[in-house]
């Protein structure tokens, strides 16, 4: 048997999270297939076929897959499920919508947000906001997994030559319909995939200060902008900037935490960053306990000086 990865995409290009999920699947089984369900998604299938380690790409192309509605996508996965020992998807909004439905129909216990594959039936996943790691062994015949992408390196997007095969398409479930999507457009890197992130917290005071202080630094570094929950709740920035347990989980090369105290909720979303730089006027702030570099000082003085030096 093989492992099946549910590809995440926008019908034009493959999402980076799929590459991390392929790496996790390869640790479960050396034979990995990728399901691309979409509408006019041939370009995505071609990209998936070049992923190193993927042996087969299954394509389900139909109009009702265009917006990845979980009712339709889960039905397509279930139509293929019995041929696989493991089914994995990124722990994103799409994966979290689809995989519980798949697990319920298979009468299997989903193992959520795995960060390590110990063996084909044993996995590690964070609990208690990442303060503890649980080792979970699944006895289900078909393992149903969501993958925390920050826990796995991305598979190479080139070097593969997988077979592309069309599969029988399930009919439209009709249980829901796509109404609209509001997407924040920005010239900056996407937060969950950025190599450098500049995040601000409540210490910035208000949204005007957030933009005035952090945007020049982000521009100099080519970084994405993030925020703590406190900053989002205070209305400084939209909620898609939020990093943390109830926001986005990130692991960039460099993470700047500016005016962020370091609540457990926020640390759960960024503590796997390769290098953490904290700037805070409170020397006792918890963020300094996880920071690789810490600067105690007034962010309104320190950040402009840093930008000037850059």
Protein backbone atom coordinates (compact mmCIF):
# COMPACT_ATOMS: atom_id res chain seq x y z
CA UNK A 1 0.00 0.00 0.00
CA UNK A 2 0.98 3.65 -0.32
CA UNK A 3 0.49 7.04 1.34
CA UNK A 4 -1.86 9.61 -0.15
CA UNK A 5 -1.22 13.36 0.15
CA UNK A 6 -4.06 15.81 -0.44
CA UNK A 7 -2.59 18.64 -2.48
CA UNK A 8 -3.46 22.20 -1.52
CA UNK A 9 -3.59 24.63 -4.43
CA UNK A 10 -5.50 27.47 -6.10
CA UNK A 11 -6.04 25.62 -9.42
CA UNK A 12 -3.02 27.44 -10.84
CA UNK A 13 -0.11 26.56 -8.58
CA UNK A 14 0.69 24.19 -5.75
CA UNK A 15 0.81 25.57 -2.20
CA UNK A 16 4.17 25.24 -0.44
CA UNK A 17 2.51 23.36 2.43
CA UNK A 18 2.03 20.38 0.12
CA UNK A 19 5.80 19.92 -0.12
CA UNK A 20 6.18 19.65 3.66
CA UNK A 21 3.30 17.17 3.77
CA UNK A 22 5.00 15.01 1.14
CA UNK A 23 8.08 14.82 3.38
CA UNK A 24 5.90 13.61 6.27
CA UNK A 25 4.18 11.05 4.03
CA UNK A 26 7.53 9.70 2.81
CA UNK A 27 8.41 8.96 6.43
CA UNK A 28 5.27 6.83 6.63
CA UNK A 29 5.63 5.02 3.31
CA UNK A 30 8.20 5.21 0.52
CA UNK A 31 5.43 5.06 -2.09
CA UNK A 32 3.63 8.42 -2.07
CA UNK A 33 0.75 9.49 -4.30
CA UNK A 34 -0.67 13.02 -4.51
CA UNK A 35 -4.36 13.80 -5.11
CA UNK A 36 -5.00 17.00 -7.05
CA UNK A 37 -8.72 17.79 -6.96
CA UNK A 38 -9.67 21.02 -8.65
CA UNK A 39 -11.07 22.70 -11.74
CA UNK A 40 -8.84 23.10 -14.81
CA UNK A 41 -5.96 22.09 -12.56
CA UNK A 42 -3.65 20.49 -15.10
CA UNK A 43 -0.85 22.93 -14.28
CA UNK A 44 -1.04 21.93 -10.63
CA UNK A 45 -0.87 18.23 -11.51
CA UNK A 46 2.21 18.89 -13.64
CA UNK A 47 3.88 20.65 -10.70
CA UNK A 48 2.98 17.81 -8.34
CA UNK A 49 4.49 15.28 -10.74
CA UNK A 50 7.91 16.89 -10.40
CA UNK A 51 8.03 16.67 -6.59
CA UNK A 52 10.89 14.43 -5.50
CA UNK A 53 9.62 11.19 -3.98
CA UNK A 54 6.13 11.26 -5.51
CA UNK A 55 5.39 8.22 -7.69
CA UNK A 56 1.87 8.99 -8.89
CA UNK A 57 -0.41 12.02 -9.22
CA UNK A 58 -4.15 11.39 -9.21
CA UNK A 59 -6.24 14.10 -10.85
CA UNK A 60 -9.93 14.74 -10.13
CA UNK A 61 -10.92 17.64 -12.37
CA UNK A 62 -14.46 19.00 -12.08
CA UNK A 63 -16.17 22.38 -11.52
CA UNK A 64 -17.38 21.44 -8.02
CA UNK A 65 -13.77 21.05 -6.84
CA UNK A 66 -12.85 24.62 -7.81
CA UNK A 67 -13.10 26.10 -4.31
CA UNK A 68 -12.06 23.02 -2.27
CA UNK A 69 -15.38 22.70 -0.46
CA UNK A 70 -14.77 20.10 2.26
CA UNK A 71 -17.93 18.11 1.51
CA UNK A 72 -16.84 17.46 -2.07
CA UNK A 73 -13.13 17.05 -1.43
CA UNK A 74 -13.63 14.60 1.45
CA UNK A 75 -15.98 12.50 -0.71
CA UNK A 76 -13.28 12.26 -3.39
CA UNK A 77 -10.69 11.23 -0.82
CA UNK A 78 -13.02 8.56 0.57
CA UNK A 79 -13.55 7.14 -2.91
CA UNK A 80 -9.80 6.41 -3.05
CA UNK A 81 -9.06 5.75 0.61
CA UNK A 82 -9.14 1.94 0.72
CA UNK A 83 -6.02 1.72 -1.46
CA UNK A 84 -3.89 3.56 1.10
CA UNK A 85 -2.37 2.92 4.51
CA UNK A 86 -1.99 6.63 5.28
CA UNK A 87 -3.81 9.79 4.16
CA UNK A 88 -2.20 13.14 4.97
CA UNK A 89 -3.03 16.80 4.41
CA UNK A 90 -1.47 20.06 5.60
CA UNK A 91 -2.90 21.36 8.88
CA UNK A 92 -4.30 24.41 7.13
CA UNK A 93 -7.88 25.67 6.86
CA UNK A 94 -8.50 23.28 3.96
CA UNK A 95 -6.93 20.28 5.67
CA UNK A 96 -8.74 20.96 8.94
CA UNK A 97 -12.04 21.06 7.05
CA UNK A 98 -11.53 17.91 5.02
CA UNK A 99 -9.67 15.41 7.19
CA UNK A 100 -12.08 15.15 10.16
CA UNK A 101 -14.81 14.21 7.67
CA UNK A 102 -12.55 11.57 6.16
CA UNK A 103 -11.62 10.16 9.58
CA UNK A 104 -15.25 10.00 10.70
CA UNK A 105 -16.35 8.11 7.58
CA UNK A 106 -13.44 5.67 7.93
CA UNK A 107 -14.17 5.23 11.65
CA UNK A 108 -10.55 6.21 12.30
CA UNK A 109 -8.97 8.45 14.93
CA UNK A 110 -7.36 11.43 13.24
CA UNK A 111 -3.88 12.33 14.47
CA UNK A 112 -3.75 16.11 14.21
CA UNK A 113 -0.84 18.46 13.52
CA UNK A 114 1.94 15.89 13.64
CA UNK A 115 5.47 17.27 13.88
CA UNK A 116 7.40 14.00 13.61
CA UNK A 117 6.90 10.50 12.24
CA UNK A 118 8.46 8.03 14.68
CA UNK A 119 7.30 4.99 12.69
CA UNK A 120 4.49 4.35 10.18
CA UNK A 121 1.98 4.04 13.05
CA UNK A 122 3.53 6.35 15.67
CA UNK A 123 3.65 10.13 15.57
CA UNK A 124 4.55 13.13 17.69
CA UNK A 125 2.23 16.13 18.06
CA UNK A 126 2.28 19.21 20.32
CA UNK A 127 -0.24 19.59 23.13
CA UNK A 128 -0.84 22.26 25.82
CA UNK A 129 0.08 25.07 23.41
CA UNK A 130 3.29 23.29 22.49
CA UNK A 131 4.52 22.96 26.07
CA UNK A 132 4.43 19.18 25.82
CA UNK A 133 4.84 16.69 23.00
CA UNK A 134 2.53 13.67 22.86
CA UNK A 135 3.63 10.45 21.20
CA UNK A 136 0.56 8.88 19.61
CA UNK A 137 0.31 5.34 18.23
CA UNK A 138 -2.56 4.66 15.85
CA UNK A 139 -3.95 1.14 15.43
CA UNK A 140 -6.32 2.15 12.62
CA UNK A 141 -5.89 0.35 9.33
CA UNK A 142 -5.81 3.69 7.51
CA UNK A 143 -3.93 6.46 9.32
CA UNK A 144 -5.56 9.90 8.92
CA UNK A 145 -3.09 12.73 9.54
CA UNK A 146 -2.85 16.48 9.39
CA UNK A 147 0.70 17.78 9.21
CA UNK A 148 2.07 20.87 10.96
CA UNK A 149 4.24 22.01 8.09
CA UNK A 150 6.79 23.79 10.29
CA UNK A 151 7.79 20.38 11.66
CA UNK A 152 9.02 19.03 8.32
CA UNK A 153 11.41 20.24 5.65
CA UNK A 154 9.87 20.86 2.25
CA UNK A 155 10.37 18.13 -0.33
CA UNK A 156 12.24 19.24 -3.43
CA UNK A 157 9.81 20.67 -5.99
CA UNK A 158 11.96 19.33 -8.82
CA UNK A 159 13.58 16.04 -9.70
CA UNK A 160 10.50 13.86 -9.72
CA UNK A 161 8.78 12.28 -12.72
CA UNK A 162 5.53 10.86 -11.37
CA UNK A 163 2.83 9.29 -13.50
CA UNK A 164 -0.25 11.50 -13.90
CA UNK A 165 -3.55 9.61 -13.94
CA UNK A 166 -7.15 10.81 -14.04
CA UNK A 167 -9.51 9.18 -11.55
CA UNK A 168 -13.28 8.79 -11.49
CA UNK A 169 -14.80 11.98 -10.13
CA UNK A 170 -17.44 11.85 -7.37
CA UNK A 171 -20.59 13.88 -7.90
CA UNK A 172 -21.28 17.24 -6.26
CA UNK A 173 -22.43 16.61 -2.69
CA UNK A 174 -24.64 19.70 -2.87
CA UNK A 175 -24.37 20.32 0.87
CA UNK A 176 -22.78 23.74 0.55
CA UNK A 177 -21.94 26.37 -2.03
CA UNK A 178 -19.12 28.84 -2.37
CA UNK A 179 -20.28 32.42 -1.88
CA UNK A 180 -17.22 34.69 -1.84
CA UNK A 181 -13.63 35.04 -0.73
CA UNK A 182 -11.97 38.17 0.60
CA UNK A 183 -8.22 38.07 0.13
CA UNK A 184 -5.82 40.60 1.58
CA UNK A 185 -3.48 41.66 -1.22
CA UNK A 186 0.07 42.59 -0.33
CA UNK A 187 3.42 42.93 -2.03
CA UNK A 188 5.03 41.35 1.03
CA UNK A 189 5.75 37.62 1.37
CA UNK A 190 2.90 35.42 2.60
CA UNK A 191 3.15 35.12 6.38
CA UNK A 192 3.22 31.33 6.74
CA UNK A 193 5.88 30.94 4.02
CA UNK A 194 8.11 33.96 4.73
CA UNK A 195 11.79 33.53 5.58
CA UNK A 196 11.81 36.70 7.72
CA UNK A 197 8.89 37.93 9.82
CA UNK A 198 8.58 41.20 11.74
CA UNK A 199 5.84 40.95 14.37
CA UNK A 200 4.48 43.65 16.64
CA UNK A 201 2.58 43.51 19.89
CA UNK A 202 0.58 45.66 22.25
CA UNK A 203 3.72 47.65 23.12
CA UNK A 204 3.34 49.56 19.84
CA UNK A 205 0.32 51.35 21.28
CA UNK A 206 -1.88 51.65 18.18
CA UNK A 207 -2.19 50.77 14.51
CA UNK A 208 -0.55 53.99 13.30
CA UNK A 209 2.53 53.27 15.38
CA UNK A 210 2.54 49.67 14.14
CA UNK A 211 2.72 50.82 10.53
CA UNK A 212 5.12 53.71 11.14
CA UNK A 213 7.61 51.65 13.14
CA UNK A 214 7.47 48.16 11.63
CA UNK A 215 6.81 48.71 7.94
CA UNK A 216 10.19 50.43 7.27
CA UNK A 217 11.98 47.52 8.96
CA UNK A 218 9.99 44.95 7.01
CA UNK A 219 10.68 46.83 3.77
CA UNK A 220 14.43 46.82 4.45
CA UNK A 221 14.44 43.09 5.20
CA UNK A 222 11.92 41.96 2.59
CA UNK A 223 9.94 40.50 5.48
CA UNK A 224 6.33 39.60 6.14
CA UNK A 225 4.43 41.41 8.87
CA UNK A 226 2.86 39.58 11.81
CA UNK A 227 1.27 40.43 15.13
CA UNK A 228 0.38 39.06 18.52
CA UNK A 229 -3.20 38.31 19.46
CA UNK A 230 -3.24 41.37 21.73
CA UNK A 231 -2.36 43.62 18.78
CA UNK A 232 -5.01 42.02 16.58
CA UNK A 233 -7.68 42.22 19.29
CA UNK A 234 -6.84 45.89 19.79
CA UNK A 235 -7.46 46.51 16.09
CA UNK A 236 -3.89 47.43 15.12
CA UNK A 237 -3.95 45.03 12.13
CA UNK A 238 -6.33 42.49 10.50
CA UNK A 239 -6.61 39.03 12.07
CA UNK A 240 -4.77 37.35 9.19
CA UNK A 241 -1.59 38.90 10.66
CA UNK A 242 -1.97 36.92 13.88
CA UNK A 243 0.79 34.52 14.89
CA UNK A 244 0.05 32.09 17.69
CA UNK A 245 -1.99 29.15 18.85
CA UNK A 246 -5.20 30.66 17.49
CA UNK A 247 -3.46 32.30 14.54
CA UNK A 248 -0.77 31.06 12.17
CA UNK A 249 2.08 28.76 13.15
CA UNK A 250 5.32 29.94 11.53
CA UNK A 251 8.96 28.90 11.52
CA UNK A 252 10.94 31.48 9.52
CA UNK A 253 14.69 31.82 9.37
CA UNK A 254 14.45 35.02 11.45
CA UNK A 255 11.57 36.20 13.64
CA UNK A 256 11.52 39.73 15.09
CA UNK A 257 9.26 40.07 18.14
CA UNK A 258 8.81 43.80 18.72
CA UNK A 259 6.87 44.96 21.75
CA UNK A 260 5.63 41.41 22.35
CA UNK A 261 5.70 40.15 25.93
CA UNK A 262 5.76 36.47 24.98
CA UNK A 263 2.49 34.93 26.19
CA UNK A 264 2.27 31.16 25.85
CA UNK A 265 -0.40 31.57 23.17
CA UNK A 266 2.01 33.56 20.98
CA UNK A 267 5.06 31.39 21.66
CA UNK A 268 3.13 28.33 20.42
CA UNK A 269 3.04 29.92 16.97
CA UNK A 270 6.66 31.03 16.54
CA UNK A 271 9.05 29.28 18.91
CA UNK A 272 10.28 26.93 16.16
CA UNK A 273 11.77 29.90 14.29
CA UNK A 274 15.46 29.39 13.52
CA UNK A 275 16.54 32.74 15.05
CA UNK A 276 14.34 34.82 17.37
CA UNK A 277 15.14 38.49 17.96
CA UNK A 278 13.21 40.15 20.80
CA UNK A 279 12.97 43.89 21.42
CA UNK A 280 11.13 44.92 24.58
CA UNK A 281 11.58 47.53 27.30
CA UNK A 282 10.74 45.00 30.05
CA UNK A 283 13.83 42.90 30.88
CA UNK A 284 11.58 40.34 32.60
CA UNK A 285 9.36 39.75 29.56
CA UNK A 286 8.92 35.99 28.87
CA UNK A 287 9.87 36.47 25.22
CA UNK A 288 13.52 36.78 26.27
CA UNK A 289 13.46 33.19 27.53
CA UNK A 290 13.08 31.85 23.99
CA UNK A 291 14.97 34.61 22.15
CA UNK A 292 18.37 34.00 20.57
CA UNK A 293 19.06 37.74 20.65
CA UNK A 294 17.40 40.18 23.03
CA UNK A 295 17.48 43.96 23.14
CA UNK A 296 16.07 45.72 26.21
CA UNK A 297 15.04 49.19 25.19
CA UNK A 298 12.37 51.54 23.88
CA UNK A 299 11.23 50.10 20.54
CA UNK A 300 10.35 53.61 19.28
CA UNK A 301 14.05 54.48 19.53
CA UNK A 302 15.67 51.13 18.77
CA UNK A 303 13.76 50.18 15.60
CA UNK A 304 14.43 53.46 13.73
CA UNK A 305 18.11 53.15 14.61
CA UNK A 306 18.12 49.57 13.32
CA UNK A 307 16.45 50.65 10.08
CA UNK A 308 19.01 53.42 9.69
CA UNK A 309 21.88 50.96 10.14
CA UNK A 310 20.37 48.58 7.56
